[in-house]
């Protein structure tokens, strides 16, 4: 999901409506990858964020462990390629 898509989605709601919101960026993914001592390409970072968005679980939410797991999935796919 891109910032533009988020903005478009949010514009469908009243501006004064309360909500909870979590925002993760490519820099967050780079930080998590760095902690794992790996380097990701820009397209891999995009894939991590896409996977996290598409697979998010409302019971778990998005957290560092979820980001790290998505990085692991991308790294596994890299090895298979």
Protein backbone atom coordinates (compact mmCIF):
# COMPACT_ATOMS: atom_id res chain seq x y z
CA UNK A 1 0.00 0.00 0.00
CA UNK A 2 1.33 3.45 -0.82
CA UNK A 3 0.88 6.71 1.09
CA UNK A 4 -1.46 7.85 -1.68
CA UNK A 5 -3.63 4.77 -1.25
CA UNK A 6 -3.76 5.32 2.51
CA UNK A 7 -4.77 8.96 2.02
CA UNK A 8 -7.45 7.97 -0.49
CA UNK A 9 -8.81 5.36 1.92
CA UNK A 10 -8.83 7.78 4.86
CA UNK A 11 -10.63 10.42 2.81
CA UNK A 12 -13.66 8.13 2.70
CA UNK A 13 -14.20 8.81 6.42
CA UNK A 14 -15.24 11.92 8.31
CA UNK A 15 -12.19 13.97 9.29
CA UNK A 16 -13.34 14.19 12.91
CA UNK A 17 -13.87 10.41 13.29
CA UNK A 18 -11.62 8.88 15.98
CA UNK A 19 -9.38 6.01 14.85
CA UNK A 20 -6.26 4.03 15.70
CA UNK A 21 -3.50 3.93 13.15
CA UNK A 22 -0.17 2.17 12.69
CA UNK A 23 2.34 3.46 10.14
CA UNK A 24 5.42 1.52 9.03
CA UNK A 25 7.89 2.80 6.45
CA UNK A 26 10.76 1.47 4.34
CA UNK A 27 13.14 2.93 6.93
CA UNK A 28 11.57 0.71 9.59
CA UNK A 29 12.17 -2.34 7.38
CA UNK A 30 15.78 -1.24 6.76
CA UNK A 31 16.28 -0.89 10.53
CA UNK A 32 14.89 -4.38 11.19
CA UNK A 33 17.00 -5.84 8.37
CA UNK A 34 20.09 -4.10 9.75
CA UNK A 35 19.37 -5.67 13.15
CA UNK A 36 19.37 -9.05 11.37
CA UNK A 37 22.63 -8.07 9.63
CA UNK A 38 21.10 -8.28 6.15
CA UNK A 39 20.76 -5.81 3.30
CA UNK A 40 17.51 -5.63 1.32
CA UNK A 41 16.99 -4.18 -2.13
CA UNK A 42 14.28 -1.53 -2.57
CA UNK A 43 11.95 -4.02 -4.28
CA UNK A 44 12.44 -6.47 -1.39
CA UNK A 45 11.58 -3.76 1.13
CA UNK A 46 8.44 -3.00 -0.86
CA UNK A 47 7.61 -6.73 -0.81
CA UNK A 48 8.10 -6.92 2.97
CA UNK A 49 5.69 -4.02 3.53
CA UNK A 50 3.20 -5.46 1.05
CA UNK A 51 3.31 -8.86 2.74
CA UNK A 52 2.87 -7.31 6.17
CA UNK A 53 -0.11 -5.31 4.96
CA UNK A 54 -1.76 -8.21 3.14
CA UNK A 55 -1.14 -10.83 5.84
CA UNK A 56 -1.73 -8.78 8.97
CA UNK A 57 -3.64 -10.50 11.72
CA UNK A 58 -5.99 -8.41 13.82
CA UNK A 59 -5.00 -10.40 16.91
CA UNK A 60 -1.28 -9.77 16.44
CA UNK A 61 -1.18 -6.44 14.65
CA UNK A 62 2.02 -5.19 13.08
CA UNK A 63 5.09 -5.22 15.33
CA UNK A 64 8.82 -5.78 15.02
CA UNK A 65 8.44 -9.56 15.12
CA UNK A 66 5.96 -9.43 12.24
CA UNK A 67 8.34 -7.22 10.24
CA UNK A 68 11.26 -9.57 10.97
CA UNK A 69 9.20 -12.60 9.92
CA UNK A 70 8.28 -10.89 6.65
CA UNK A 71 11.97 -10.14 6.07
CA UNK A 72 12.75 -13.82 6.65
CA UNK A 73 10.13 -14.76 4.05
CA UNK A 74 11.64 -12.39 1.49
CA UNK A 75 15.13 -13.73 2.21
CA UNK A 76 13.88 -17.31 1.77
CA UNK A 77 12.33 -16.36 -1.57
CA UNK A 78 15.65 -14.76 -2.57
CA UNK A 79 17.46 -18.05 -1.91
CA UNK A 80 14.88 -19.99 -3.97
CA UNK A 81 15.30 -17.70 -6.98
